[in-house]
Amino acid sequence: MISLYMDEHVPRAITLGLRLRGIDVLTVQEDNFSGKSDPELINRAGYLNRAIFTNDDDLLIEASKRQKAGQLFYGVESMLTI
């Protein structure tokens, strides 16, 4: 099962709902990573072996840049594509 790293732009109700369904979720707030840059968040999620879950267009742009450059990262899931 996938573990998620919730960006600070994701509503708390979504995090709680996923936890109620048994999904392993860690928020950036719980990890004391609030306010960090998008590259730092993607790097942190990878370090923790978690896909980052976001509602932030800028974070998706950063992920797209990395993908186009062939840089490895753990993964990004967007509320915008669900």
C-alpha atoms as a PDB file:
ATOM      1  CA  MET A   1       0.000   0.000   0.000  1.00  0.00           C
ATOM      2  CA  ILE A   2       1.167   3.518  -0.740  1.00  0.00           C
ATOM      3  CA  SER A   3       2.082   5.970   2.014  1.00  0.00           C
ATOM      4  CA  LEU A   4       1.184   9.616   1.488  1.00  0.00           C
ATOM      5  CA  TYR A   5       2.830  12.887   2.465  1.00  0.00           C
ATOM      6  CA  MET A   6       0.107  15.541   2.591  1.00  0.00           C
ATOM      7  CA  ASP A   7       0.993  19.035   1.380  1.00  0.00           C
ATOM      8  CA  GLU A   8      -0.258  21.874   3.553  1.00  0.00           C
ATOM      9  CA  HIS A   9      -2.749  22.873   0.826  1.00  0.00           C
ATOM     10  CA  VAL A  10      -4.804  19.690   1.299  1.00  0.00           C
ATOM     11  CA  PRO A  11      -7.901  20.184   3.488  1.00  0.00           C
ATOM     12  CA  ARG A  12      -7.718  18.398   6.836  1.00  0.00           C
ATOM     13  CA  ALA A  13     -11.019  16.608   6.108  1.00  0.00           C
ATOM     14  CA  ILE A  14      -9.367  14.734   3.234  1.00  0.00           C
ATOM     15  CA  THR A  15      -6.465  13.660   5.441  1.00  0.00           C
ATOM     16  CA  LEU A  16      -8.882  12.448   8.115  1.00  0.00           C
ATOM     17  CA  GLY A  17     -11.011  10.615   5.547  1.00  0.00           C
ATOM     18  CA  LEU A  18      -7.993   8.779   4.157  1.00  0.00           C
ATOM     19  CA  ARG A  19      -6.883   7.797   7.654  1.00  0.00           C
ATOM     20  CA  LEU A  20     -10.357   6.441   8.399  1.00  0.00           C
ATOM     21  CA  ARG A  21      -9.896   4.196   5.349  1.00  0.00           C
ATOM     22  CA  GLY A  22      -6.598   2.860   6.663  1.00  0.00           C
ATOM     23  CA  ILE A  23      -4.286   4.909   4.437  1.00  0.00           C
ATOM     24  CA  ASP A  24      -0.879   5.765   5.928  1.00  0.00           C
ATOM     25  CA  VAL A  25      -0.809   9.575   5.893  1.00  0.00           C
ATOM     26  CA  LEU A  26       1.719  12.056   7.267  1.00  0.00           C
ATOM     27  CA  THR A  27       1.137  15.797   6.920  1.00  0.00           C
ATOM     28  CA  VAL A  28       3.876  18.363   6.418  1.00  0.00           C
ATOM     29  CA  GLN A  29       2.597  20.040   9.578  1.00  0.00           C
ATOM     30  CA  GLU A  30       3.086  16.862  11.630  1.00  0.00           C
ATOM     31  CA  ASP A  31       6.563  16.540  10.105  1.00  0.00           C
ATOM     32  CA  ASN A  32       7.425  20.167  11.000  1.00  0.00           C
ATOM     33  CA  PHE A  33       7.961  20.931   7.300  1.00  0.00           C
ATOM     34  CA  SER A  34       5.332  23.667   6.858  1.00  0.00           C
ATOM     35  CA  GLY A  35       6.381  26.574   4.686  1.00  0.00           C
ATOM     36  CA  LYS A  36       9.139  24.678   2.879  1.00  0.00           C
ATOM     37  CA  SER A  37       9.676  25.135  -0.849  1.00  0.00           C
ATOM     38  CA  ASP A  38       8.180  22.749  -3.383  1.00  0.00           C
ATOM     39  CA  PRO A  39      11.558  21.160  -4.201  1.00  0.00           C
ATOM     40  CA  GLU A  40      12.185  20.602  -0.494  1.00  0.00           C
ATOM     41  CA  LEU A  41       8.759  18.957  -0.085  1.00  0.00           C
ATOM     42  CA  ILE A  42       9.307  16.606  -3.020  1.00  0.00           C
ATOM     43  CA  ASN A  43      12.757  15.703  -1.690  1.00  0.00           C
ATOM     44  CA  ARG A  44      11.387  15.127   1.823  1.00  0.00           C
ATOM     45  CA  ALA A  45       8.568  12.917   0.541  1.00  0.00           C
ATOM     46  CA  GLY A  46      11.108  10.830  -1.351  1.00  0.00           C
ATOM     47  CA  TYR A  47      13.358  10.571   1.694  1.00  0.00           C
ATOM     48  CA  LEU A  48      10.351   9.273   3.652  1.00  0.00           C
ATOM     49  CA  ASN A  49       9.360   6.886   0.816  1.00  0.00           C
ATOM     50  CA  ARG A  50       5.993   8.599   0.438  1.00  0.00           C
ATOM     51  CA  ALA A  51       4.122  10.028  -2.529  1.00  0.00           C
ATOM     52  CA  ILE A  52       3.247  13.651  -2.010  1.00  0.00           C
ATOM     53  CA  PHE A  53      -0.470  14.476  -2.162  1.00  0.00           C
ATOM     54  CA  THR A  54      -1.231  18.062  -3.097  1.00  0.00           C
ATOM     55  CA  ASN A  55      -3.720  20.647  -4.236  1.00  0.00           C
ATOM     56  CA  ASP A  56      -0.957  23.050  -5.311  1.00  0.00           C
ATOM     57  CA  ASP A  57      -0.401  23.788  -9.017  1.00  0.00           C
ATOM     58  CA  ASP A  58       3.143  25.017  -8.348  1.00  0.00           C
ATOM     59  CA  LEU A  59       4.152  21.702  -6.817  1.00  0.00           C
ATOM     60  CA  LEU A  60       2.830  19.917  -9.900  1.00  0.00           C
ATOM     61  CA  ILE A  61       4.917  22.217 -12.091  1.00  0.00           C
ATOM     62  CA  GLU A  62       8.028  21.294 -10.075  1.00  0.00           C
ATOM     63  CA  ALA A  63       7.224  17.588 -10.451  1.00  0.00           C
ATOM     64  CA  SER A  64       6.746  18.039 -14.199  1.00  0.00           C
ATOM     65  CA  LYS A  65      10.128  19.806 -14.492  1.00  0.00           C
ATOM     66  CA  ARG A  66      11.814  16.921 -12.679  1.00  0.00           C
ATOM     67  CA  GLN A  67      10.084  14.368 -14.849  1.00  0.00           C
ATOM     68  CA  LYS A  68      11.125  16.139 -18.063  1.00  0.00           C
ATOM     69  CA  ALA A  69      14.720  16.382 -16.783  1.00  0.00           C
ATOM     70  CA  GLY A  70      14.749  12.666 -15.979  1.00  0.00           C
ATOM     71  CA  GLN A  71      15.209  13.303 -12.260  1.00  0.00           C
ATOM     72  CA  LEU A  72      13.902  10.564 -10.024  1.00  0.00           C
ATOM     73  CA  PHE A  73      11.356  11.322  -7.326  1.00  0.00           C
ATOM     74  CA  TYR A  74       8.935   9.162  -5.401  1.00  0.00           C
ATOM     75  CA  GLY A  75       5.657  10.457  -6.818  1.00  0.00           C
ATOM     76  CA  VAL A  76       3.047  13.176  -6.756  1.00  0.00           C
ATOM     77  CA  GLU A  77      -0.710  12.702  -6.530  1.00  0.00           C
ATOM     78  CA  SER A  78      -2.895  15.703  -7.114  1.00  0.00           C
ATOM     79  CA  MET A  79      -6.421  16.416  -5.941  1.00  0.00           C
ATOM     80  CA  LEU A  80      -6.733  18.217  -9.253  1.00  0.00           C
ATOM     81  CA  THR A  81      -6.588  14.933 -11.183  1.00  0.00           C
ATOM     82  CA  ILE A  82      -8.908  12.925  -8.967  1.00  0.00           C
END
